[in-house]
Protein backbone atom coordinates (compact mmCIF):
# COMPACT_ATOMS: atom_id res chain seq x y z
CA UNK A 1 237.10 133.21 -123.92
CA UNK A 2 239.09 130.18 -125.13
CA UNK A 3 238.39 128.92 -128.63
CA UNK A 4 236.39 125.60 -129.06
CA UNK A 5 238.37 122.63 -129.94
CA UNK A 6 237.30 119.42 -131.67
CA UNK A 7 240.22 117.09 -130.72
CA UNK A 8 238.24 115.45 -127.98
CA UNK A 9 234.75 114.13 -127.62
CA UNK A 10 234.02 116.64 -124.98
CA UNK A 11 235.04 119.43 -127.28
CA UNK A 12 232.92 118.30 -130.07
CA UNK A 13 230.10 118.08 -127.81
CA UNK A 14 230.55 121.52 -126.57
CA UNK A 15 230.83 122.73 -130.27
CA UNK A 16 227.57 120.98 -131.06
CA UNK A 17 225.73 122.38 -127.97
CA UNK A 18 226.88 125.90 -129.02
CA UNK A 19 225.48 125.27 -132.61
CA UNK A 20 222.28 123.96 -131.30
CA UNK A 21 221.88 127.10 -129.03
CA UNK A 22 222.50 129.43 -132.04
CA UNK A 23 220.24 127.47 -134.26
CA UNK A 24 217.36 128.09 -131.89
CA UNK A 25 217.84 131.85 -132.07
CA UNK A 26 218.39 132.23 -135.87
CA UNK A 27 215.40 134.11 -137.38
CA UNK A 28 214.96 133.22 -140.94
CA UNK A 29 211.84 132.01 -142.68
CA UNK A 30 213.43 128.79 -144.20
CA UNK A 31 215.54 127.74 -141.14
CA UNK A 32 215.19 124.13 -140.16
CA UNK A 33 216.44 121.77 -137.37
CA UNK A 34 220.03 120.74 -137.93
CA UNK A 35 220.76 123.63 -140.29
CA UNK A 36 223.87 124.63 -138.25
CA UNK A 37 224.59 121.63 -135.86
CA UNK A 38 224.25 118.86 -138.56
CA UNK A 39 224.71 120.21 -141.95
CA UNK A 40 227.29 123.05 -141.39
CA UNK A 41 229.14 121.88 -138.25
CA UNK A 42 232.50 121.15 -139.88
CA UNK A 43 232.24 124.13 -142.19
CA UNK A 44 231.38 126.61 -139.47
CA UNK A 45 234.26 125.28 -137.32
CA UNK A 46 236.72 125.71 -140.23
CA UNK A 47 235.58 129.28 -141.06
CA UNK A 48 235.55 130.44 -137.31
CA UNK A 49 238.61 128.20 -136.16
CA UNK A 50 236.58 127.64 -133.03
CA UNK A 51 236.46 131.23 -132.08
CA UNK A 52 233.07 132.50 -130.80
CA UNK A 53 233.49 135.97 -132.11
CA UNK A 54 234.37 134.73 -135.62
CA UNK A 55 231.52 132.26 -135.51
CA UNK A 56 228.99 135.01 -134.39
CA UNK A 57 230.39 137.42 -137.07
CA UNK A 58 229.85 134.78 -139.85
CA UNK A 59 226.37 133.69 -138.70
CA UNK A 60 225.23 137.32 -138.32
CA UNK A 61 226.60 138.42 -141.67
CA UNK A 62 225.26 135.14 -143.17
CA UNK A 63 221.70 135.94 -141.88
CA UNK A 64 221.83 139.38 -143.30
CA UNK A 65 222.85 138.02 -146.54
CA UNK A 66 220.13 135.31 -146.49
CA UNK A 67 217.44 138.08 -145.85
CA UNK A 68 218.83 140.33 -148.53
CA UNK A 69 218.94 137.67 -151.16
CA UNK A 70 215.58 136.05 -150.22
CA UNK A 71 217.33 132.71 -149.43
CA UNK A 72 216.04 132.84 -145.86
CA UNK A 73 218.44 129.95 -144.74
CA UNK A 74 222.08 129.39 -144.15
CA UNK A 75 223.96 127.22 -146.41
CA UNK A 76 227.56 126.60 -147.34
CA UNK A 77 226.92 128.17 -150.79
CA UNK A 78 225.55 131.32 -149.16
CA UNK A 79 228.10 131.53 -146.46
CA UNK A 80 230.98 131.05 -148.92
CA UNK A 81 229.97 134.59 -150.19
CA UNK A 82 230.43 136.18 -146.72
CA UNK A 83 233.70 137.60 -145.60
CA UNK A 84 234.86 136.63 -142.02
CA UNK A 85 237.71 138.27 -139.85
CA UNK A 86 241.17 138.00 -141.32
CA UNK A 87 242.50 135.59 -138.52
CA UNK A 88 239.77 133.04 -139.29
CA UNK A 89 240.22 133.38 -143.04
CA UNK A 90 244.00 132.89 -142.82
CA UNK A 91 243.61 129.59 -140.81
CA UNK A 92 240.54 128.31 -142.83
CA UNK A 93 242.42 126.48 -145.64
CA UNK A 94 244.46 124.28 -143.43
CA UNK A 95 241.65 123.41 -141.09
CA UNK A 96 239.23 122.74 -144.17
CA UNK A 97 241.82 120.25 -145.60
CA UNK A 98 241.98 118.26 -142.52
CA UNK A 99 238.21 118.12 -142.17
CA UNK A 100 237.72 117.17 -145.63
CA UNK A 101 240.14 114.32 -145.48
CA UNK A 102 238.33 113.19 -142.35
CA UNK A 103 241.39 113.49 -140.22
CA UNK A 104 239.26 115.83 -138.10
CA UNK A 105 235.55 116.29 -137.48
CA UNK A 106 233.52 118.60 -135.22
CA UNK A 107 230.60 116.11 -134.87
CA UNK A 108 230.53 114.00 -131.68
CA UNK A 109 230.97 110.31 -132.03
CA UNK A 110 227.30 109.45 -131.07
CA UNK A 111 225.95 111.77 -133.66
CA UNK A 112 228.04 110.18 -136.42
CA UNK A 113 226.72 106.75 -135.60
CA UNK A 114 223.10 107.86 -135.59
CA UNK A 115 222.42 108.20 -131.93
CA UNK A 116 220.81 111.36 -130.54
């Protein structure tokens, strides 16, 4: 399967749809709407570099850690302590820099301007 991309509006919408679908399936006591798709979108893209396998590994390991620690939710702080596959970790720093400088975003334009 090809990796997700966020260079186009269509790509950003596909990424968001994936995160919304995953969000519905996360079973944690303190999960909430927008936990993945709104709060962690850019972060999850940087950590997974758009690869579904890397994203699923990170989410699964994050959920396991959230249960073990009693956090019962996914956050950047918790996920920062979760190791992901080597390929994603190697590409992470460059991608995070672009996201932090707002040269790139994973959020569709309509979401960033308050529309649903």
